Amino acid sequence: MKNPVLCAILKNKVIMRLLDHEVSAIKRSVNQFDPEAELYLFGSRVDDSKRGGDIDLLVISGKITRADRRKIKLKIYDEIGEQRIDMIVTAKISTPFHRIALSEGIKL
């Protein structure tokens, strides 16, 4: 039976825990506001040894506004149900936190 979890594999280790319809919904929602945005999943969802956890997203975009960020989250909720989603939107990687999220994250 096919595993419904879409995952990236590095050295035979699962490093992302999202269903493929969740990944598609997230990408589609962000792309409606900026098709050129770079989107990364980071945090506990990239660690297979952890369970549950919120969906931490880093979005690199010069177009997405604070109001857009709220609309994106609502679109995601409509498609995958209400879950805790933390979304950081930045035009450039300018803080140590951004650099860590980018280096440990998985591009969607």
N, C-alpha and C. Protein backbone atom coordinates (compact mmCIF):
# COMPACT_ATOMS: atom_id res chain seq x y z
N MET A 1 0.84 -1.18 0.00
CA MET A 1 0.00 0.00 0.00
C MET A 1 0.88 1.24 0.00
N LYS A 2 0.53 2.21 -0.80
CA LYS A 2 1.31 3.43 -0.92
C LYS A 2 1.18 4.29 0.34
N ASN A 3 2.32 4.75 0.83
CA ASN A 3 2.33 5.64 2.00
C ASN A 3 1.82 7.01 1.58
N PRO A 4 0.78 7.55 2.24
CA PRO A 4 0.22 8.84 1.83
C PRO A 4 1.07 10.03 2.23
N VAL A 5 2.14 9.80 2.97
CA VAL A 5 2.97 10.92 3.42
C VAL A 5 3.99 11.26 2.34
N LEU A 6 3.96 12.52 1.91
CA LEU A 6 4.97 13.00 0.98
C LEU A 6 6.20 13.33 1.80
N CYS A 7 7.35 12.83 1.40
CA CYS A 7 8.53 13.06 2.20
C CYS A 7 9.75 13.25 1.32
N ALA A 8 10.70 13.98 1.83
CA ALA A 8 12.00 14.09 1.21
C ALA A 8 12.88 13.05 1.89
N ILE A 9 13.76 12.43 1.16
CA ILE A 9 14.61 11.40 1.74
C ILE A 9 16.06 11.81 1.60
N LEU A 10 16.78 11.77 2.69
CA LEU A 10 18.19 12.09 2.72
C LEU A 10 18.87 10.96 3.46
N LYS A 11 19.73 10.24 2.75
CA LYS A 11 20.43 9.11 3.35
C LYS A 11 19.45 8.12 3.97
N ASN A 12 18.38 7.82 3.24
CA ASN A 12 17.36 6.87 3.66
C ASN A 12 16.62 7.26 4.93
N LYS A 13 16.61 8.52 5.27
CA LYS A 13 15.90 9.00 6.46
C LYS A 13 14.76 9.91 6.03
N VAL A 14 13.55 9.64 6.51
CA VAL A 14 12.42 10.50 6.22
C VAL A 14 12.62 11.80 6.98
N ILE A 15 12.51 12.92 6.26
CA ILE A 15 12.77 14.19 6.93
C ILE A 15 11.64 15.20 6.75
N MET A 16 10.46 14.76 6.32
CA MET A 16 9.33 15.69 6.23
C MET A 16 8.04 14.93 6.49
N ARG A 17 7.18 15.48 7.35
CA ARG A 17 5.93 14.82 7.68
C ARG A 17 4.74 15.70 7.32
N LEU A 18 4.33 15.61 6.07
CA LEU A 18 3.10 16.24 5.60
C LEU A 18 2.46 15.32 4.58
N LEU A 19 1.16 15.27 4.56
CA LEU A 19 0.46 14.52 3.51
C LEU A 19 0.60 15.28 2.21
N ASP A 20 0.58 14.57 1.09
CA ASP A 20 0.80 15.27 -0.18
C ASP A 20 -0.29 16.27 -0.49
N HIS A 21 -1.53 16.03 -0.04
CA HIS A 21 -2.58 17.04 -0.29
C HIS A 21 -2.33 18.29 0.56
N GLU A 22 -1.67 18.13 1.72
CA GLU A 22 -1.32 19.30 2.53
C GLU A 22 -0.25 20.14 1.85
N VAL A 23 0.76 19.47 1.31
CA VAL A 23 1.82 20.18 0.58
C VAL A 23 1.23 20.92 -0.61
N SER A 24 0.37 20.24 -1.36
CA SER A 24 -0.24 20.86 -2.54
C SER A 24 -1.08 22.07 -2.15
N ALA A 25 -1.85 21.95 -1.08
CA ALA A 25 -2.70 23.07 -0.62
C ALA A 25 -1.84 24.26 -0.19
N ILE A 26 -0.76 24.00 0.51
CA ILE A 26 0.12 25.08 0.96
C ILE A 26 0.75 25.78 -0.24
N LYS A 27 1.29 25.00 -1.16
CA LYS A 27 1.94 25.60 -2.33
C LYS A 27 0.95 26.39 -3.17
N ARG A 28 -0.21 25.82 -3.39
CA ARG A 28 -1.24 26.48 -4.20
C ARG A 28 -1.67 27.80 -3.55
N SER A 29 -1.86 27.79 -2.24
CA SER A 29 -2.30 28.99 -1.53
C SER A 29 -1.26 30.10 -1.60
N VAL A 30 0.00 29.76 -1.42
CA VAL A 30 1.07 30.77 -1.49
C VAL A 30 1.22 31.27 -2.92
N ASN A 31 1.18 30.36 -3.88
CA ASN A 31 1.39 30.74 -5.28
C ASN A 31 0.31 31.66 -5.83
N GLN A 32 -0.88 31.64 -5.23
CA GLN A 32 -1.94 32.56 -5.66
C GLN A 32 -1.56 34.01 -5.40
N PHE A 33 -0.72 34.24 -4.41
CA PHE A 33 -0.31 35.60 -4.07
C PHE A 33 1.06 35.97 -4.64
N ASP A 34 1.93 34.97 -4.83
CA ASP A 34 3.23 35.20 -5.44
C ASP A 34 3.75 33.89 -6.02
N PRO A 35 3.56 33.71 -7.33
CA PRO A 35 4.02 32.46 -7.96
C PRO A 35 5.54 32.27 -7.91
N GLU A 36 6.26 33.34 -7.65
CA GLU A 36 7.72 33.27 -7.59
C GLU A 36 8.25 33.07 -6.16
N ALA A 37 7.38 33.00 -5.19
CA ALA A 37 7.80 32.86 -3.79
C ALA A 37 8.54 31.54 -3.60
N GLU A 38 9.53 31.57 -2.73
CA GLU A 38 10.23 30.35 -2.31
C GLU A 38 9.59 29.93 -0.99
N LEU A 39 9.32 28.65 -0.86
CA LEU A 39 8.56 28.15 0.28
C LEU A 39 9.32 26.99 0.93
N TYR A 40 9.54 27.11 2.25
CA TYR A 40 10.28 26.10 3.01
C TYR A 40 9.49 25.66 4.23
N LEU A 41 9.52 24.37 4.48
CA LEU A 41 8.98 23.80 5.71
C LEU A 41 10.16 23.61 6.66
N PHE A 42 9.99 24.02 7.93
CA PHE A 42 11.05 23.82 8.91
C PHE A 42 10.42 23.46 10.24
N GLY A 43 11.23 23.23 11.23
CA GLY A 43 10.72 22.90 12.56
C GLY A 43 10.45 21.42 12.74
N SER A 44 9.53 21.09 13.64
CA SER A 44 9.30 19.69 14.01
C SER A 44 8.80 18.83 12.86
N ARG A 45 8.17 19.42 11.87
CA ARG A 45 7.65 18.62 10.75
C ARG A 45 8.76 18.09 9.82
N VAL A 46 9.99 18.53 10.00
CA VAL A 46 11.09 17.99 9.21
C VAL A 46 11.90 16.98 10.03
N ASP A 47 11.39 16.62 11.19
CA ASP A 47 12.07 15.66 12.07
C ASP A 47 11.14 14.48 12.29
N ASP A 48 11.46 13.35 11.67
CA ASP A 48 10.58 12.18 11.75
C ASP A 48 10.53 11.58 13.15
N SER A 49 11.47 11.92 14.00
CA SER A 49 11.45 11.36 15.35
C SER A 49 10.43 12.06 16.24
N LYS A 50 9.89 13.19 15.77
CA LYS A 50 8.89 13.93 16.54
C LYS A 50 7.50 13.64 16.00
N ARG A 51 6.50 13.86 16.80
CA ARG A 51 5.11 13.64 16.40
C ARG A 51 4.34 14.93 16.55
N GLY A 52 3.29 15.05 15.74
CA GLY A 52 2.45 16.24 15.83
C GLY A 52 3.23 17.48 15.44
N GLY A 53 2.94 18.55 16.11
CA GLY A 53 3.65 19.79 15.84
C GLY A 53 2.92 20.67 14.85
N ASP A 54 3.24 21.94 14.95
CA ASP A 54 2.63 22.89 14.02
C ASP A 54 3.35 22.84 12.68
N ILE A 55 2.80 23.52 11.72
CA ILE A 55 3.40 23.61 10.39
C ILE A 55 4.13 24.95 10.34
N ASP A 56 5.45 24.88 10.33
CA ASP A 56 6.29 26.09 10.29
C ASP A 56 6.73 26.33 8.86
N LEU A 57 6.39 27.50 8.35
CA LEU A 57 6.70 27.83 6.96
C LEU A 57 7.53 29.11 6.89
N LEU A 58 8.54 29.08 6.05
CA LEU A 58 9.32 30.27 5.71
C LEU A 58 9.00 30.56 4.26
N VAL A 59 8.49 31.76 4.00
CA VAL A 59 8.14 32.18 2.65
C VAL A 59 9.02 33.36 2.30
N ILE A 60 9.80 33.21 1.23
CA ILE A 60 10.66 34.29 0.77
C ILE A 60 9.95 34.95 -0.40
N SER A 61 9.49 36.17 -0.15
CA SER A 61 8.70 36.89 -1.15
C SER A 61 8.74 38.39 -0.86
N GLY A 62 8.91 39.15 -1.90
CA GLY A 62 8.83 40.60 -1.78
C GLY A 62 7.44 41.13 -2.07
N LYS A 63 6.51 40.23 -2.41
CA LYS A 63 5.15 40.65 -2.81
C LYS A 63 4.09 40.38 -1.74
N ILE A 64 4.27 39.37 -0.94
CA ILE A 64 3.23 38.96 0.01
C ILE A 64 3.21 39.91 1.20
N THR A 65 2.04 40.49 1.45
CA THR A 65 1.87 41.45 2.54
C THR A 65 1.37 40.74 3.80
N ARG A 66 1.27 41.48 4.88
CA ARG A 66 0.73 40.93 6.13
C ARG A 66 -0.73 40.48 5.92
N ALA A 67 -1.51 41.28 5.21
CA ALA A 67 -2.90 40.91 4.92
C ALA A 67 -2.95 39.65 4.06
N ASP A 68 -2.05 39.54 3.09
CA ASP A 68 -1.98 38.35 2.25
C ASP A 68 -1.67 37.11 3.08
N ARG A 69 -0.77 37.27 4.05
CA ARG A 69 -0.39 36.13 4.90
C ARG A 69 -1.62 35.55 5.60
N ARG A 70 -2.48 36.41 6.10
CA ARG A 70 -3.72 35.95 6.75
C ARG A 70 -4.62 35.24 5.74
N LYS A 71 -4.75 35.79 4.55
CA LYS A 71 -5.57 35.17 3.50
C LYS A 71 -5.01 33.80 3.10
N ILE A 72 -3.70 33.70 3.02
CA ILE A 72 -3.06 32.43 2.68
C ILE A 72 -3.40 31.38 3.74
N LYS A 73 -3.27 31.75 5.01
CA LYS A 73 -3.58 30.80 6.08
C LYS A 73 -5.04 30.36 6.01
N LEU A 74 -5.96 31.28 5.73
CA LEU A 74 -7.37 30.92 5.62
C LEU A 74 -7.60 29.96 4.46
N LYS A 75 -6.92 30.18 3.34
CA LYS A 75 -7.06 29.26 2.20
C LYS A 75 -6.54 27.87 2.55
N ILE A 76 -5.42 27.83 3.27
CA ILE A 76 -4.87 26.54 3.69
C ILE A 76 -5.86 25.84 4.63
N TYR A 77 -6.41 26.58 5.60
CA TYR A 77 -7.39 25.99 6.52
C TYR A 77 -8.59 25.42 5.76
N ASP A 78 -9.04 26.13 4.73
CA ASP A 78 -10.18 25.65 3.93
C ASP A 78 -9.88 24.30 3.30
N GLU A 79 -8.63 24.08 2.93
CA GLU A 79 -8.29 22.85 2.21
C GLU A 79 -7.85 21.70 3.12
N ILE A 80 -7.16 22.01 4.22
CA ILE A 80 -6.63 20.91 5.03
C ILE A 80 -7.19 20.89 6.45
N GLY A 81 -8.07 21.82 6.74
CA GLY A 81 -8.60 21.91 8.09
C GLY A 81 -7.73 22.83 8.93
N GLU A 82 -8.32 23.32 9.99
CA GLU A 82 -7.60 24.26 10.83
C GLU A 82 -6.51 23.53 11.62
N GLN A 83 -5.30 23.98 11.42
CA GLN A 83 -4.13 23.47 12.12
C GLN A 83 -3.30 24.67 12.53
N ARG A 84 -2.42 24.45 13.46
CA ARG A 84 -1.53 25.53 13.85
C ARG A 84 -0.49 25.71 12.73
N ILE A 85 -0.48 26.90 12.15
CA ILE A 85 0.47 27.23 11.08
C ILE A 85 1.20 28.50 11.47
N ASP A 86 2.51 28.40 11.55
CA ASP A 86 3.34 29.58 11.77
C ASP A 86 4.02 29.91 10.45
N MET A 87 3.76 31.10 9.94
CA MET A 87 4.28 31.49 8.63
C MET A 87 5.11 32.76 8.77
N ILE A 88 6.35 32.64 8.39
CA ILE A 88 7.25 33.80 8.36
C ILE A 88 7.40 34.20 6.91
N VAL A 89 7.09 35.45 6.62
CA VAL A 89 7.23 35.97 5.26
C VAL A 89 8.30 37.05 5.31
N THR A 90 9.29 36.92 4.45
CA THR A 90 10.37 37.89 4.39
C THR A 90 10.82 38.06 2.95
N ALA A 91 11.24 39.27 2.62
CA ALA A 91 11.73 39.53 1.27
C ALA A 91 13.17 39.07 1.12
N LYS A 92 13.90 39.03 2.23
CA LYS A 92 15.29 38.58 2.18
C LYS A 92 15.66 37.89 3.48
N ILE A 93 16.65 37.06 3.41
CA ILE A 93 17.13 36.34 4.58
C ILE A 93 18.06 37.29 5.33
N SER A 94 17.54 37.89 6.41
CA SER A 94 18.28 38.96 7.05
C SER A 94 18.56 38.75 8.53
N THR A 95 18.01 37.69 9.12
CA THR A 95 18.23 37.47 10.55
C THR A 95 18.80 36.07 10.77
N PRO A 96 19.43 35.85 11.92
CA PRO A 96 19.91 34.50 12.21
C PRO A 96 18.79 33.46 12.19
N PHE A 97 17.60 33.83 12.66
CA PHE A 97 16.48 32.89 12.64
C PHE A 97 16.13 32.50 11.21
N HIS A 98 16.08 33.46 10.30
CA HIS A 98 15.81 33.15 8.89
C HIS A 98 16.86 32.19 8.35
N ARG A 99 18.12 32.43 8.66
CA ARG A 99 19.20 31.57 8.15
C ARG A 99 19.07 30.14 8.68
N ILE A 100 18.71 30.01 9.96
CA ILE A 100 18.54 28.67 10.53
C ILE A 100 17.35 27.96 9.88
N ALA A 101 16.22 28.66 9.75
CA ALA A 101 15.03 28.06 9.13
C ALA A 101 15.33 27.63 7.70
N LEU A 102 16.09 28.44 6.98
CA LEU A 102 16.44 28.12 5.59
C LEU A 102 17.39 26.93 5.53
N SER A 103 18.38 26.91 6.40
CA SER A 103 19.37 25.82 6.36
C SER A 103 18.81 24.49 6.82
N GLU A 104 17.86 24.52 7.76
CA GLU A 104 17.29 23.27 8.26
C GLU A 104 15.98 22.90 7.57
N GLY A 105 15.46 23.81 6.78
CA GLY A 105 14.17 23.59 6.13
C GLY A 105 14.27 22.77 4.86
N ILE A 106 13.11 22.37 4.38
CA ILE A 106 12.98 21.62 3.14
C ILE A 106 12.15 22.47 2.17
N LYS A 107 12.68 22.68 0.99
CA LYS A 107 11.95 23.47 -0.01
C LYS A 107 10.75 22.69 -0.50
N LEU A 108 9.61 23.35 -0.50
CA LEU A 108 8.37 22.71 -0.99
C LEU A 108 8.16 23.06 -2.45
